[in-house]
Amino acid sequence: LDQVVGVVRSWLGRCHDTRPSLRLQIGDDVLEMTEATDEQ
C-alpha cells in the first residue's frame, strides 16, 4: 500500500499541465483529490 501511494503521489506530481482528479478506495474508506496542491 505504501508503494502504491508513493507511485500515485509521484505520478500525480508529474501531471502539472492538467491535473486529473483521483479517487482511491479501500473497503468503505474513500479519498478523493481534486484541484489539490502537491502538499495537500
PDB file of all heavy atoms in Angstrom:
ATOM      1  N   LEU A   1       0.828  -1.198   0.000  1.00  0.00           N
ATOM      2  CA  LEU A   1       0.000   0.000   0.000  1.00  0.00           C
ATOM      3  C   LEU A   1       0.867   1.254   0.000  1.00  0.00           C
ATOM      4  O   LEU A   1       0.599   2.193  -0.749  1.00  0.00           O
ATOM      5  CB  LEU A   1      -0.957   0.021   1.191  1.00  0.00           C
ATOM      6  CG  LEU A   1      -1.824   1.284   1.299  1.00  0.00           C
ATOM      7  CD1 LEU A   1      -2.690   1.467   0.054  1.00  0.00           C
ATOM      8  CD2 LEU A   1      -2.691   1.234   2.548  1.00  0.00           C
ATOM      9  N   ASP A   2       1.917   1.274   0.813  1.00  0.00           N
ATOM     10  CA  ASP A   2       2.810   2.432   0.826  1.00  0.00           C
ATOM     11  C   ASP A   2       3.461   2.633  -0.541  1.00  0.00           C
ATOM     12  O   ASP A   2       3.630   3.765  -0.987  1.00  0.00           O
ATOM     13  CB  ASP A   2       3.889   2.277   1.898  1.00  0.00           C
ATOM     14  CG  ASP A   2       3.358   2.489   3.308  1.00  0.00           C
ATOM     15  OD1 ASP A   2       2.306   3.147   3.462  1.00  0.00           O
ATOM     16  OD2 ASP A   2       3.988   1.989   4.252  1.00  0.00           O
ATOM     17  N   GLN A   3       3.814   1.544  -1.211  1.00  0.00           N
ATOM     18  CA  GLN A   3       4.401   1.642  -2.542  1.00  0.00           C
ATOM     19  C   GLN A   3       3.397   2.222  -3.534  1.00  0.00           C
ATOM     20  O   GLN A   3       3.732   3.099  -4.336  1.00  0.00           O
ATOM     21  CB  GLN A   3       4.868   0.269  -3.019  1.00  0.00           C
ATOM     22  CG  GLN A   3       6.036  -0.287  -2.257  1.00  0.00           C
ATOM     23  CD  GLN A   3       6.359  -1.716  -2.680  1.00  0.00           C
ATOM     24  OE1 GLN A   3       5.798  -2.252  -3.613  1.00  0.00           O
ATOM     25  NE2 GLN A   3       7.287  -2.331  -1.964  1.00  0.00           N
ATOM     26  N   VAL A   4       2.153   1.740  -3.484  1.00  0.00           N
ATOM     27  CA  VAL A   4       1.106   2.241  -4.372  1.00  0.00           C
ATOM     28  C   VAL A   4       0.880   3.725  -4.131  1.00  0.00           C
ATOM     29  O   VAL A   4       0.817   4.523  -5.077  1.00  0.00           O
ATOM     30  CB  VAL A   4      -0.210   1.443  -4.186  1.00  0.00           C
ATOM     31  CG1 VAL A   4      -1.371   2.132  -4.889  1.00  0.00           C
ATOM     32  CG2 VAL A   4      -0.038   0.020  -4.694  1.00  0.00           C
ATOM     33  N   VAL A   5       0.786   4.117  -2.869  1.00  0.00           N
ATOM     34  CA  VAL A   5       0.579   5.524  -2.521  1.00  0.00           C
ATOM     35  C   VAL A   5       1.749   6.373  -3.029  1.00  0.00           C
ATOM     36  O   VAL A   5       1.552   7.467  -3.568  1.00  0.00           O
ATOM     37  CB  VAL A   5       0.376   5.682  -0.997  1.00  0.00           C
ATOM     38  CG1 VAL A   5       0.515   7.123  -0.562  1.00  0.00           C
ATOM     39  CG2 VAL A   5      -0.984   5.134  -0.600  1.00  0.00           C
ATOM     40  N   GLY A   6       2.969   5.869  -2.893  1.00  0.00           N
ATOM     41  CA  GLY A   6       4.141   6.600  -3.381  1.00  0.00           C
ATOM     42  C   GLY A   6       4.112   6.801  -4.884  1.00  0.00           C
ATOM     43  O   GLY A   6       4.414   7.890  -5.386  1.00  0.00           O
ATOM     44  N   VAL A   7       3.731   5.769  -5.615  1.00  0.00           N
ATOM     45  CA  VAL A   7       3.646   5.881  -7.075  1.00  0.00           C
ATOM     46  C   VAL A   7       2.546   6.856  -7.469  1.00  0.00           C
ATOM     47  O   VAL A   7       2.731   7.694  -8.361  1.00  0.00           O
ATOM     48  CB  VAL A   7       3.424   4.497  -7.728  1.00  0.00           C
ATOM     49  CG1 VAL A   7       2.964   4.634  -9.164  1.00  0.00           C
ATOM     50  CG2 VAL A   7       4.704   3.685  -7.665  1.00  0.00           C
ATOM     51  N   VAL A   8       1.389   6.774  -6.822  1.00  0.00           N
ATOM     52  CA  VAL A   8       0.278   7.688  -7.130  1.00  0.00           C
ATOM     53  C   VAL A   8       0.701   9.132  -6.874  1.00  0.00           C
ATOM     54  O   VAL A   8       0.472  10.016  -7.700  1.00  0.00           O
ATOM     55  CB  VAL A   8      -0.992   7.328  -6.324  1.00  0.00           C
ATOM     56  CG1 VAL A   8      -2.027   8.430  -6.418  1.00  0.00           C
ATOM     57  CG2 VAL A   8      -1.571   6.011  -6.825  1.00  0.00           C
ATOM     58  N   ARG A   9       1.371   9.382  -5.747  1.00  0.00           N
ATOM     59  CA  ARG A   9       1.819  10.733  -5.402  1.00  0.00           C
ATOM     60  C   ARG A   9       2.812  11.247  -6.445  1.00  0.00           C
ATOM     61  O   ARG A   9       2.695  12.365  -6.950  1.00  0.00           O
ATOM     62  CB  ARG A   9       2.446  10.751  -4.015  1.00  0.00           C
ATOM     63  CG  ARG A   9       2.957  12.117  -3.605  1.00  0.00           C
ATOM     64  CD  ARG A   9       3.546  12.186  -2.198  1.00  0.00           C
ATOM     65  NE  ARG A   9       4.325  11.027  -1.824  1.00  0.00           N
ATOM     66  CZ  ARG A   9       4.026  10.207  -0.814  1.00  0.00           C
ATOM     67  NH1 ARG A   9       2.952  10.414  -0.080  1.00  0.00           N
ATOM     68  NH2 ARG A   9       4.795   9.188  -0.537  1.00  0.00           N
ATOM     69  N   SER A  10       3.779  10.420  -6.803  1.00  0.00           N
ATOM     70  CA  SER A  10       4.788  10.808  -7.779  1.00  0.00           C
ATOM     71  C   SER A  10       4.169  11.052  -9.156  1.00  0.00           C
ATOM     72  O   SER A  10       4.459  12.048  -9.822  1.00  0.00           O
ATOM     73  CB  SER A  10       5.853   9.711  -7.856  1.00  0.00           C
ATOM     74  OG  SER A  10       6.784   9.987  -8.853  1.00  0.00           O
ATOM     75  N   TRP A  11       3.312  10.133  -9.575  1.00  0.00           N
ATOM     76  CA  TRP A  11       2.651  10.240 -10.878  1.00  0.00           C
ATOM     77  C   TRP A  11       1.799  11.491 -10.948  1.00  0.00           C
ATOM     78  O   TRP A  11       1.849  12.248 -11.918  1.00  0.00           O
ATOM     79  CB  TRP A  11       1.804   8.983 -11.118  1.00  0.00           C
ATOM     80  CG  TRP A  11       1.041   9.006 -12.386  1.00  0.00           C
ATOM     81  CD1 TRP A  11       1.491   8.628 -13.631  1.00  0.00           C
ATOM     82  CD2 TRP A  11      -0.314   9.428 -12.568  1.00  0.00           C
ATOM     83  NE1 TRP A  11       0.498   8.802 -14.549  1.00  0.00           N
ATOM     84  CE2 TRP A  11      -0.621   9.289 -13.934  1.00  0.00           C
ATOM     85  CE3 TRP A  11      -1.294   9.907 -11.707  1.00  0.00           C
ATOM     86  CZ2 TRP A  11      -1.868   9.611 -14.447  1.00  0.00           C
ATOM     87  CZ3 TRP A  11      -2.529  10.235 -12.219  1.00  0.00           C
ATOM     88  CH2 TRP A  11      -2.808  10.083 -13.578  1.00  0.00           C
ATOM     89  N   LEU A  12       1.027  11.739  -9.909  1.00  0.00           N
ATOM     90  CA  LEU A  12       0.157  12.914  -9.880  1.00  0.00           C
ATOM     91  C   LEU A  12       0.982  14.200  -9.878  1.00  0.00           C
ATOM     92  O   LEU A  12       0.610  15.186 -10.513  1.00  0.00           O
ATOM     93  CB  LEU A  12      -0.759  12.857  -8.655  1.00  0.00           C
ATOM     94  CG  LEU A  12      -1.960  13.781  -8.638  1.00  0.00           C
ATOM     95  CD1 LEU A  12      -2.844  13.568  -9.860  1.00  0.00           C
ATOM     96  CD2 LEU A  12      -2.773  13.579  -7.376  1.00  0.00           C
ATOM     97  N   GLY A  13       2.125  14.178  -9.220  1.00  0.00           N
ATOM     98  CA  GLY A  13       3.009  15.340  -9.185  1.00  0.00           C
ATOM     99  C   GLY A  13       3.578  15.701 -10.545  1.00  0.00           C
ATOM    100  O   GLY A  13       3.943  16.845 -10.790  1.00  0.00           O
ATOM    101  N   ARG A  14       3.657  14.722 -11.438  1.00  0.00           N
ATOM    102  CA  ARG A  14       4.157  14.983 -12.796  1.00  0.00           C
ATOM    103  C   ARG A  14       3.067  15.474 -13.742  1.00  0.00           C
ATOM    104  O   ARG A  14       3.346  15.818 -14.873  1.00  0.00           O
ATOM    105  CB  ARG A  14       4.805  13.717 -13.360  1.00  0.00           C
ATOM    106  CG  ARG A  14       6.099  13.354 -12.650  1.00  0.00           C
ATOM    107  CD  ARG A  14       6.848  12.259 -13.373  1.00  0.00           C
ATOM    108  NE  ARG A  14       6.062  11.059 -13.585  1.00  0.00           N
ATOM    109  CZ  ARG A  14       5.973  10.038 -12.743  1.00  0.00           C
ATOM    110  NH1 ARG A  14       6.612  10.073 -11.598  1.00  0.00           N
ATOM    111  NH2 ARG A  14       5.255   8.972 -13.027  1.00  0.00           N
ATOM    112  N   CYS A  15       1.829  15.489 -13.295  1.00  0.00           N
ATOM    113  CA  CYS A  15       0.706  15.921 -14.135  1.00  0.00           C
ATOM    114  C   CYS A  15       0.417  17.399 -13.878  1.00  0.00           C
ATOM    115  O   CYS A  15      -0.667  17.770 -13.429  1.00  0.00           O
ATOM    116  CB  CYS A  15      -0.546  15.091 -13.826  1.00  0.00           C
ATOM    117  SG  CYS A  15      -0.400  13.365 -14.226  1.00  0.00           S
ATOM    118  N   HIS A  16       1.384  18.250 -14.142  1.00  0.00           N
ATOM    119  CA  HIS A  16       1.224  19.671 -13.831  1.00  0.00           C
ATOM    120  C   HIS A  16       0.365  20.425 -14.844  1.00  0.00           C
ATOM    121  O   HIS A  16      -0.327  21.357 -14.475  1.00  0.00           O
ATOM    122  CB  HIS A  16       2.586  20.352 -13.710  1.00  0.00           C
ATOM    123  CG  HIS A  16       3.313  19.962 -12.471  1.00  0.00           C
ATOM    124  ND1 HIS A  16       2.902  20.330 -11.216  1.00  0.00           N
ATOM    125  CD2 HIS A  16       4.417  19.205 -12.297  1.00  0.00           C
ATOM    126  CE1 HIS A  16       3.730  19.836 -10.311  1.00  0.00           C
ATOM    127  NE2 HIS A  16       4.653  19.144 -10.940  1.00  0.00           N
ATOM    128  N   ASP A  17       0.407  20.027 -16.107  1.00  0.00           N
ATOM    129  CA  ASP A  17      -0.336  20.775 -17.121  1.00  0.00           C
ATOM    130  C   ASP A  17      -1.837  20.736 -16.853  1.00  0.00           C
ATOM    131  O   ASP A  17      -2.499  21.761 -16.794  1.00  0.00           O
ATOM    132  CB  ASP A  17      -0.004  20.291 -18.530  1.00  0.00           C
ATOM    133  CG  ASP A  17      -0.201  18.792 -18.716  1.00  0.00           C
ATOM    134  OD1 ASP A  17      -0.227  18.065 -17.718  1.00  0.00           O
ATOM    135  OD2 ASP A  17      -0.329  18.356 -19.881  1.00  0.00           O
ATOM    136  N   THR A  18      -2.391  19.577 -16.695  1.00  0.00           N
ATOM    137  CA  THR A  18      -3.809  19.415 -16.350  1.00  0.00           C
ATOM    138  C   THR A  18      -3.913  18.261 -15.374  1.00  0.00           C
ATOM    139  O   THR A  18      -3.851  17.106 -15.759  1.00  0.00           O
ATOM    140  CB  THR A  18      -4.680  19.139 -17.595  1.00  0.00           C
ATOM    141  OG1 THR A  18      -4.122  18.027 -18.295  1.00  0.00           O
ATOM    142  CG2 THR A  18      -4.746  20.342 -18.507  1.00  0.00           C
ATOM    143  N   ARG A  19      -4.033  18.585 -14.111  1.00  0.00           N
ATOM    144  CA  ARG A  19      -4.031  17.557 -13.069  1.00  0.00           C
ATOM    145  C   ARG A  19      -5.367  16.826 -13.028  1.00  0.00           C
ATOM    146  O   ARG A  19      -6.407  17.429 -12.836  1.00  0.00           O
ATOM    147  CB  ARG A  19      -3.749  18.193 -11.719  1.00  0.00           C
ATOM    148  CG  ARG A  19      -3.677  17.134 -10.609  1.00  0.00           C
ATOM    149  CD  ARG A  19      -3.161  17.706  -9.353  1.00  0.00           C
ATOM    150  NE  ARG A  19      -1.708  17.697  -9.428  1.00  0.00           N
ATOM    151  CZ  ARG A  19      -0.924  18.006  -8.412  1.00  0.00           C
ATOM    152  NH1 ARG A  19      -1.433  18.366  -7.272  1.00  0.00           N
ATOM    153  NH2 ARG A  19       0.371  17.959  -8.529  1.00  0.00           N
ATOM    154  N   PRO A  20      -5.332  15.505 -13.195  1.00  0.00           N
ATOM    155  CA  PRO A  20      -6.574  14.728 -13.102  1.00  0.00           C
ATOM    156  C   PRO A  20      -7.058  14.622 -11.657  1.00  0.00           C
ATOM    157  O   PRO A  20      -6.296  14.832 -10.724  1.00  0.00           O
ATOM    158  CB  PRO A  20      -6.175  13.353 -13.645  1.00  0.00           C
ATOM    159  CG  PRO A  20      -4.704  13.285 -13.492  1.00  0.00           C
ATOM    160  CD  PRO A  20      -4.183  14.683 -13.511  1.00  0.00           C
ATOM    161  N   SER A  21      -8.321  14.303 -11.512  1.00  0.00           N
ATOM    162  CA  SER A  21      -8.900  14.025 -10.198  1.00  0.00           C
ATOM    163  C   SER A  21      -8.737  12.538  -9.921  1.00  0.00           C
ATOM    164  O   SER A  21      -8.869  11.723 -10.832  1.00  0.00           O
ATOM    165  CB  SER A  21     -10.383  14.385 -10.184  1.00  0.00           C
ATOM    166  OG  SER A  21     -10.554  15.761 -10.383  1.00  0.00           O
ATOM    167  N   LEU A  22      -8.454  12.209  -8.683  1.00  0.00           N
ATOM    168  CA  LEU A  22      -8.283  10.812  -8.298  1.00  0.00           C
ATOM    169  C   LEU A  22      -9.183  10.475  -7.136  1.00  0.00           C
ATOM    170  O   LEU A  22      -9.431  11.299  -6.259  1.00  0.00           O
ATOM    171  CB  LEU A  22      -6.840  10.530  -7.868  1.00  0.00           C
ATOM    172  CG  LEU A  22      -5.801  10.368  -8.946  1.00  0.00           C
ATOM    173  CD1 LEU A  22      -4.441  10.127  -8.322  1.00  0.00           C
ATOM    174  CD2 LEU A  22      -6.139   9.249  -9.889  1.00  0.00           C
ATOM    175  N   ARG A  23      -9.641   9.245  -7.140  1.00  0.00           N
ATOM    176  CA  ARG A  23     -10.400   8.696  -6.020  1.00  0.00           C
ATOM    177  C   ARG A  23      -9.771   7.351  -5.703  1.00  0.00           C
ATOM    178  O   ARG A  23      -9.692   6.474  -6.562  1.00  0.00           O
ATOM    179  CB  ARG A  23     -11.862   8.523  -6.415  1.00  0.00           C
ATOM    180  CG  ARG A  23     -12.686   7.822  -5.358  1.00  0.00           C
ATOM    181  CD  ARG A  23     -14.102   7.633  -5.832  1.00  0.00           C
ATOM    182  NE  ARG A  23     -14.775   6.680  -4.981  1.00  0.00           N
ATOM    183  CZ  ARG A  23     -16.036   6.757  -4.628  1.00  0.00           C
ATOM    184  NH1 ARG A  23     -16.781   7.752  -5.068  1.00  0.00           N
ATOM    185  NH2 ARG A  23     -16.574   5.856  -3.853  1.00  0.00           N
ATOM    186  N   LEU A  24      -9.298   7.195  -4.479  1.00  0.00           N
ATOM    187  CA  LEU A  24      -8.753   5.924  -4.007  1.00  0.00           C
ATOM    188  C   LEU A  24      -9.732   5.363  -3.004  1.00  0.00           C
ATOM    189  O   LEU A  24     -10.262   6.098  -2.170  1.00  0.00           O
ATOM    190  CB  LEU A  24      -7.399   6.126  -3.327  1.00  0.00           C
ATOM    191  CG  LEU A  24      -6.180   6.238  -4.230  1.00  0.00           C
ATOM    192  CD1 LEU A  24      -6.198   7.513  -5.024  1.00  0.00           C
ATOM    193  CD2 LEU A  24      -4.924   6.122  -3.420  1.00  0.00           C
ATOM    194  N   GLN A  25      -9.950   4.056  -3.082  1.00  0.00           N
ATOM    195  CA  GLN A  25     -10.903   3.429  -2.175  1.00  0.00           C
ATOM    196  C   GLN A  25     -10.365   2.089  -1.713  1.00  0.00           C
ATOM    197  O   GLN A  25      -9.930   1.263  -2.509  1.00  0.00           O
ATOM    198  CB  GLN A  25     -12.249   3.243  -2.876  1.00  0.00           C
ATOM    199  CG  GLN A  25     -13.310   2.652  -1.994  1.00  0.00           C
ATOM    200  CD  GLN A  25     -14.682   2.660  -2.645  1.00  0.00           C
ATOM    201  OE1 GLN A  25     -14.916   3.359  -3.622  1.00  0.00           O
ATOM    202  NE2 GLN A  25     -15.587   1.878  -2.105  1.00  0.00           N
ATOM    203  N   ILE A  26     -10.415   1.904  -0.399  1.00  0.00           N
ATOM    204  CA  ILE A  26     -10.118   0.614   0.225  1.00  0.00           C
ATOM    205  C   ILE A  26     -11.317   0.306   1.098  1.00  0.00           C
ATOM    206  O   ILE A  26     -11.603   1.041   2.046  1.00  0.00           O
ATOM    207  CB  ILE A  26      -8.836   0.653   1.062  1.00  0.00           C
ATOM    208  CG1 ILE A  26      -7.623   0.945   0.183  1.00  0.00           C
ATOM    209  CG2 ILE A  26      -8.659  -0.666   1.819  1.00  0.00           C
ATOM    210  CD1 ILE A  26      -6.320   1.049   0.955  1.00  0.00           C
ATOM    211  N   GLY A  27     -12.026  -0.738   0.768  1.00  0.00           N
ATOM    212  CA  GLY A  27     -13.234  -1.059   1.520  1.00  0.00           C
ATOM    213  C   GLY A  27     -14.206   0.106   1.430  1.00  0.00           C
ATOM    214  O   GLY A  27     -14.516   0.591   0.342  1.00  0.00           O
ATOM    215  N   ASP A  28     -14.652   0.592   2.580  1.00  0.00           N
ATOM    216  CA  ASP A  28     -15.580   1.723   2.623  1.00  0.00           C
ATOM    217  C   ASP A  28     -14.870   3.066   2.750  1.00  0.00           C
ATOM    218  O   ASP A  28     -15.517   4.105   2.787  1.00  0.00           O
ATOM    219  CB  ASP A  28     -16.547   1.569   3.801  1.00  0.00           C
ATOM    220  CG  ASP A  28     -17.498   0.406   3.606  1.00  0.00           C
ATOM    221  OD1 ASP A  28     -17.763   0.040   2.443  1.00  0.00           O
ATOM    222  OD2 ASP A  28     -17.974  -0.139   4.620  1.00  0.00           O
ATOM    223  N   ASP A  29     -13.561   3.057   2.867  1.00  0.00           N
ATOM    224  CA  ASP A  29     -12.794   4.286   3.043  1.00  0.00           C
ATOM    225  C   ASP A  29     -12.437   4.875   1.682  1.00  0.00           C
ATOM    226  O   ASP A  29     -11.822   4.215   0.847  1.00  0.00           O
ATOM    227  CB  ASP A  29     -11.523   3.994   3.840  1.00  0.00           C
ATOM    228  CG  ASP A  29     -10.781   5.247   4.252  1.00  0.00           C
ATOM    229  OD1 ASP A  29     -11.344   6.364   4.136  1.00  0.00           O
ATOM    230  OD2 ASP A  29      -9.628   5.112   4.702  1.00  0.00           O
ATOM    231  N   VAL A  30     -12.825   6.137   1.459  1.00  0.00           N
ATOM    232  CA  VAL A  30     -12.630   6.792   0.163  1.00  0.00           C
ATOM    233  C   VAL A  30     -11.833   8.076   0.359  1.00  0.00           C
ATOM    234  O   VAL A  30     -12.102   8.865   1.252  1.00  0.00           O
ATOM    235  CB  VAL A  30     -13.988   7.132  -0.492  1.00  0.00           C
ATOM    236  CG1 VAL A  30     -13.794   7.898  -1.789  1.00  0.00           C
ATOM    237  CG2 VAL A  30     -14.789   5.859  -0.734  1.00  0.00           C
ATOM    238  N   LEU A  31     -10.845   8.281  -0.508  1.00  0.00           N
ATOM    239  CA  LEU A  31     -10.087   9.522  -0.558  1.00  0.00           C
ATOM    240  C   LEU A  31     -10.251  10.102  -1.950  1.00  0.00           C
ATOM    241  O   LEU A  31      -9.927   9.441  -2.932  1.00  0.00           O
ATOM    242  CB  LEU A  31      -8.607   9.268  -0.273  1.00  0.00           C
ATOM    243  CG  LEU A  31      -7.663  10.455  -0.514  1.00  0.00           C
ATOM    244  CD1 LEU A  31      -7.990  11.609   0.434  1.00  0.00           C
ATOM    245  CD2 LEU A  31      -6.222  10.022  -0.388  1.00  0.00           C
ATOM    246  N   GLU A  32     -10.789  11.312  -2.021  1.00  0.00           N
ATOM    247  CA  GLU A  32     -10.954  11.990  -3.308  1.00  0.00           C
ATOM    248  C   GLU A  32     -10.068  13.219  -3.331  1.00  0.00           C
ATOM    249  O   GLU A  32     -10.042  13.991  -2.369  1.00  0.00           O
ATOM    250  CB  GLU A  32     -12.408  12.391  -3.531  1.00  0.00           C
ATOM    251  CG  GLU A  32     -13.300  11.196  -3.721  1.00  0.00           C
ATOM    252  CD  GLU A  32     -14.690  11.573  -4.193  1.00  0.00           C
ATOM    253  OE1 GLU A  32     -14.810  12.427  -5.084  1.00  0.00           O
ATOM    254  OE2 GLU A  32     -15.644  11.005  -3.652  1.00  0.00           O
ATOM    255  N   MET A  33      -9.345  13.392  -4.441  1.00  0.00           N
ATOM    256  CA  MET A  33      -8.458  14.540  -4.606  1.00  0.00           C
ATOM    257  C   MET A  33      -8.772  15.232  -5.926  1.00  0.00           C
ATOM    258  O   MET A  33      -8.630  14.649  -6.985  1.00  0.00           O
ATOM    259  CB  MET A  33      -7.007  14.081  -4.583  1.00  0.00           C
ATOM    260  CG  MET A  33      -6.588  13.487  -3.262  1.00  0.00           C
ATOM    261  SD  MET A  33      -4.911  12.859  -3.276  1.00  0.00           S
ATOM    262  CE  MET A  33      -5.131  11.369  -4.240  1.00  0.00           C
ATOM    263  N   THR A  34      -9.210  16.474  -5.812  1.00  0.00           N
ATOM    264  CA  THR A  34      -9.498  17.291  -6.977  1.00  0.00           C
ATOM    265  C   THR A  34      -8.929  18.679  -6.725  1.00  0.00           C
ATOM    266  O   THR A  34      -9.184  19.260  -5.669  1.00  0.00           O
ATOM    267  CB  THR A  34     -11.018  17.401  -7.205  1.00  0.00           C
ATOM    268  OG1 THR A  34     -11.555  16.084  -7.334  1.00  0.00           O
ATOM    269  CG2 THR A  34     -11.346  18.199  -8.449  1.00  0.00           C
ATOM    270  N   GLU A  35      -8.165  19.186  -7.655  1.00  0.00           N
ATOM    271  CA  GLU A  35      -7.585  20.526  -7.547  1.00  0.00           C
ATOM    272  C   GLU A  35      -6.804  20.714  -6.254  1.00  0.00           C
ATOM    273  O   GLU A  35      -6.860  21.765  -5.617  1.00  0.00           O
ATOM    274  CB  GLU A  35      -8.672  21.592  -7.692  1.00  0.00           C
ATOM    275  CG  GLU A  35      -9.373  21.553  -9.018  1.00  0.00           C
ATOM    276  CD  GLU A  35     -10.449  22.616  -9.150  1.00  0.00           C
ATOM    277  OE1 GLU A  35     -10.472  23.567  -8.344  1.00  0.00           O
ATOM    278  OE2 GLU A  35     -11.249  22.495 -10.077  1.00  0.00           O
ATOM    279  N   ALA A  36      -6.061  19.711  -5.847  1.00  0.00           N
ATOM    280  CA  ALA A  36      -5.265  19.782  -4.621  1.00  0.00           C
ATOM    281  C   ALA A  36      -3.832  20.177  -4.967  1.00  0.00           C
ATOM    282  O   ALA A  36      -3.314  19.841  -6.031  1.00  0.00           O
ATOM    283  CB  ALA A  36      -5.276  18.430  -3.920  1.00  0.00           C
ATOM    284  N   THR A  37      -3.195  20.884  -4.038  1.00  0.00           N
ATOM    285  CA  THR A  37      -1.787  21.228  -4.206  1.00  0.00           C
ATOM    286  C   THR A  37      -0.937  19.980  -3.951  1.00  0.00           C
ATOM    287  O   THR A  37      -1.418  18.995  -3.377  1.00  0.00           O
ATOM    288  CB  THR A  37      -1.368  22.327  -3.216  1.00  0.00           C
ATOM    289  OG1 THR A  37      -1.457  21.798  -1.882  1.00  0.00           O
ATOM    290  CG2 THR A  37      -2.237  23.574  -3.365  1.00  0.00           C
ATOM    291  N   ASP A  38       0.344  20.055  -4.320  1.00  0.00           N
ATOM    292  CA  ASP A  38       1.237  18.930  -4.060  1.00  0.00           C
ATOM    293  C   ASP A  38       1.298  18.610  -2.570  1.00  0.00           C
ATOM    294  O   ASP A  38       1.310  17.446  -2.176  1.00  0.00           O
ATOM    295  CB  ASP A  38       2.652  19.234  -4.576  1.00  0.00           C
ATOM    296  CG  ASP A  38       2.739  19.226  -6.103  1.00  0.00           C
ATOM    297  OD1 ASP A  38       1.831  18.663  -6.750  1.00  0.00           O
ATOM    298  OD2 ASP A  38       3.719  19.777  -6.634  1.00  0.00           O
ATOM    299  N   GLU A  39       1.321  19.642  -1.744  1.00  0.00           N
ATOM    300  CA  GLU A  39       1.379  19.450  -0.298  1.00  0.00           C
ATOM    301  C   GLU A  39       0.105  18.784   0.219  1.00  0.00           C
ATOM    302  O   GLU A  39       0.152  17.891   1.076  1.00  0.00           O
ATOM    303  CB  GLU A  39       1.598  20.785   0.426  1.00  0.00           C
ATOM    304  CG  GLU A  39       2.947  21.421   0.151  1.00  0.00           C
ATOM    305  CD  GLU A  39       3.029  22.146  -1.205  1.00  0.00           C
ATOM    306  OE1 GLU A  39       1.971  22.499  -1.798  1.00  0.00           O
ATOM    307  OE2 GLU A  39       4.152  22.332  -1.691  1.00  0.00           O
ATOM    308  N   GLN A  40      -1.044  19.214  -0.280  1.00  0.00           N
ATOM    309  CA  GLN A  40      -2.316  18.611   0.134  1.00  0.00           C
ATOM    310  C   GLN A  40      -2.394  17.156  -0.299  1.00  0.00           C
ATOM    311  O   GLN A  40      -2.879  16.303   0.458  1.00  0.00           O
ATOM    312  CB  GLN A  40      -3.487  19.403  -0.450  1.00  0.00           C
ATOM    313  CG  GLN A  40      -3.663  20.773   0.154  1.00  0.00           C
ATOM    314  CD  GLN A  40      -4.649  21.637  -0.616  1.00  0.00           C
ATOM    315  OE1 GLN A  40      -4.783  21.521  -1.837  1.00  0.00           O
ATOM    316  NE2 GLN A  40      -5.340  22.513   0.092  1.00  0.00           N
TER     317      GLN A  40
END
